[in-house]
Structure formats: C-alpha cells, structure tokens
Amino acid sequence: MRHTEHGDTVAVIAHGDHVADVVPSGELDRLRETIEVLSDTDLVRDLLEGLADAHAGHVVPASDIAADLAARRATGG
C-alpha cells in the first residue's frame, strides 16, 4: 500500500481478474464530489455559462466584489 501513500492507485487482481482499485485516502471523497457536481444539471449549466462569460470578457474584478460584500455587511443586507 506504499504506492497509495504516494498518491498512486493500485489495482487488485484476483484469479487473473481486475476486481478492485485501492485509491489514496481522500481520492474517493473527491470522486464522489465530482459525481455529485456533474449530476446536478442546473449547477453544470451555471458553471458553463460562467465560463462562457469569463471567456467573453464579462468579468468583475475581485476588488469590486469585495467592496459590494463589505457594503452589504455594513447595511445588513
């Protein structure tokens, strides 16, 4: 299992058949999260729209977002 300690996935072979994979700790959680995100069609659509906006140059500087958040906190909104 030293390979998985270094981030490698190890195949488990039983009677000549590939029956399982041993993955590093945390990798399974990341895979589950990826599946969860990709299964949410609304979220995937929003992500794709956001990427398209970014590629088209429709962006807002982080400083503007921070200022907006600070103003909302100050007014309680």
C-alpha atoms as a PDB file:
ATOM      1  CA  MET A   1       0.000   0.000   0.000  1.00  0.00           C
ATOM      2  CA  ARG A   2       3.027   2.286  -0.107  1.00  0.00           C
ATOM      3  CA  HIS A   3       2.015   3.272  -3.620  1.00  0.00           C
ATOM      4  CA  THR A   4      -1.273   4.710  -2.394  1.00  0.00           C
ATOM      5  CA  GLU A   5       0.593   6.624   0.301  1.00  0.00           C
ATOM      6  CA  HIS A   6       2.319   8.436  -2.564  1.00  0.00           C
ATOM      7  CA  GLY A   7      -0.897   9.161  -4.470  1.00  0.00           C
ATOM      8  CA  ASP A   8      -0.962   6.153  -6.781  1.00  0.00           C
ATOM      9  CA  THR A   9      -3.988   3.944  -7.434  1.00  0.00           C
ATOM     10  CA  VAL A  10      -3.273   0.217  -7.063  1.00  0.00           C
ATOM     11  CA  ALA A  11      -5.184  -2.449  -8.978  1.00  0.00           C
ATOM     12  CA  VAL A  12      -6.360  -5.524  -7.086  1.00  0.00           C
ATOM     13  CA  ILE A  13      -6.195  -8.708  -9.156  1.00  0.00           C
ATOM     14  CA  ALA A  14      -7.955 -11.887  -8.015  1.00  0.00           C
ATOM     15  CA  HIS A  15      -7.644 -15.098 -10.028  1.00  0.00           C
ATOM     16  CA  GLY A  16      -6.394 -13.081 -13.001  1.00  0.00           C
ATOM     17  CA  ASP A  17      -9.317 -10.636 -12.970  1.00  0.00           C
ATOM     18  CA  HIS A  18      -9.163  -6.945 -12.094  1.00  0.00           C
ATOM     19  CA  VAL A  19     -11.664  -6.804  -9.218  1.00  0.00           C
ATOM     20  CA  ALA A  20     -10.958  -3.510  -7.449  1.00  0.00           C
ATOM     21  CA  ASP A  21      -8.750  -0.484  -7.093  1.00  0.00           C
ATOM     22  CA  VAL A  22      -7.191   0.863  -3.920  1.00  0.00           C
ATOM     23  CA  VAL A  23      -7.130   4.654  -4.032  1.00  0.00           C
ATOM     24  CA  PRO A  24      -5.353   7.136  -1.774  1.00  0.00           C
ATOM     25  CA  SER A  25      -7.263   8.440   1.222  1.00  0.00           C
ATOM     26  CA  GLY A  26      -9.381  11.396   0.164  1.00  0.00           C
ATOM     27  CA  GLU A  27      -9.479  10.450  -3.507  1.00  0.00           C
ATOM     28  CA  LEU A  28     -12.784   8.610  -3.101  1.00  0.00           C
ATOM     29  CA  ASP A  29     -14.318  11.719  -1.494  1.00  0.00           C
ATOM     30  CA  ARG A  30     -13.083  13.849  -4.394  1.00  0.00           C
ATOM     31  CA  LEU A  31     -14.544  11.396  -6.901  1.00  0.00           C
ATOM     32  CA  ARG A  32     -17.893  11.365  -5.091  1.00  0.00           C
ATOM     33  CA  GLU A  33     -17.952  15.169  -5.035  1.00  0.00           C
ATOM     34  CA  THR A  34     -17.196  15.259  -8.764  1.00  0.00           C
ATOM     35  CA  ILE A  35     -20.040  12.838  -9.456  1.00  0.00           C
ATOM     36  CA  GLU A  36     -22.374  14.920  -7.282  1.00  0.00           C
ATOM     37  CA  VAL A  37     -21.490  18.129  -9.134  1.00  0.00           C
ATOM     38  CA  LEU A  38     -21.752  16.554 -12.588  1.00  0.00           C
ATOM     39  CA  SER A  39     -25.117  15.020 -11.653  1.00  0.00           C
ATOM     40  CA  ASP A  40     -26.554  18.477 -10.881  1.00  0.00           C
ATOM     41  CA  THR A  41     -27.603  19.687 -14.334  1.00  0.00           C
ATOM     42  CA  ASP A  42     -28.518  23.178 -13.082  1.00  0.00           C
ATOM     43  CA  LEU A  43     -25.100  23.593 -11.491  1.00  0.00           C
ATOM     44  CA  VAL A  44     -23.283  22.326 -14.599  1.00  0.00           C
ATOM     45  CA  ARG A  45     -25.318  24.741 -16.748  1.00  0.00           C
ATOM     46  CA  ASP A  46     -24.450  27.637 -14.412  1.00  0.00           C
ATOM     47  CA  LEU A  47     -20.763  26.683 -14.476  1.00  0.00           C
ATOM     48  CA  LEU A  48     -20.737  26.525 -18.276  1.00  0.00           C
ATOM     49  CA  GLU A  49     -22.489  29.898 -18.501  1.00  0.00           C
ATOM     50  CA  GLY A  50     -19.963  31.381 -16.092  1.00  0.00           C
ATOM     51  CA  LEU A  51     -17.057  30.015 -18.117  1.00  0.00           C
ATOM     52  CA  ALA A  52     -18.573  31.386 -21.319  1.00  0.00           C
ATOM     53  CA  ASP A  53     -18.952  34.799 -19.669  1.00  0.00           C
ATOM     54  CA  ALA A  54     -15.342  34.716 -18.484  1.00  0.00           C
ATOM     55  CA  HIS A  55     -14.077  33.746 -21.948  1.00  0.00           C
ATOM     56  CA  ALA A  56     -16.142  36.575 -23.456  1.00  0.00           C
ATOM     57  CA  GLY A  57     -14.519  39.036 -21.065  1.00  0.00           C
ATOM     58  CA  HIS A  58     -17.633  39.584 -18.967  1.00  0.00           C
ATOM     59  CA  VAL A  59     -15.825  39.661 -15.641  1.00  0.00           C
ATOM     60  CA  VAL A  60     -15.935  41.717 -12.458  1.00  0.00           C
ATOM     61  CA  PRO A  61     -12.736  42.500 -10.559  1.00  0.00           C
ATOM     62  CA  ALA A  62     -12.423  40.791  -7.178  1.00  0.00           C
ATOM     63  CA  SER A  63     -11.981  44.204  -5.559  1.00  0.00           C
ATOM     64  CA  ASP A  64     -15.462  45.219  -6.792  1.00  0.00           C
ATOM     65  CA  ILE A  65     -16.959  42.046  -5.349  1.00  0.00           C
ATOM     66  CA  ALA A  66     -15.201  42.608  -2.029  1.00  0.00           C
ATOM     67  CA  ALA A  67     -16.464  46.186  -1.903  1.00  0.00           C
ATOM     68  CA  ASP A  68     -20.005  45.047  -2.664  1.00  0.00           C
ATOM     69  CA  LEU A  69     -19.877  42.411   0.066  1.00  0.00           C
ATOM     70  CA  ALA A  70     -18.498  44.925   2.558  1.00  0.00           C
ATOM     71  CA  ALA A  71     -21.294  47.377   1.705  1.00  0.00           C
ATOM     72  CA  ARG A  72     -23.915  44.644   2.124  1.00  0.00           C
ATOM     73  CA  ARG A  73     -22.490  43.690   5.520  1.00  0.00           C
ATOM     74  CA  ALA A  74     -22.484  47.313   6.617  1.00  0.00           C
ATOM     75  CA  THR A  75     -26.157  47.714   5.731  1.00  0.00           C
ATOM     76  CA  GLY A  76     -27.156  44.288   6.999  1.00  0.00           C
ATOM     77  CA  GLY A  77     -28.217  43.140   3.561  1.00  0.00           C
END
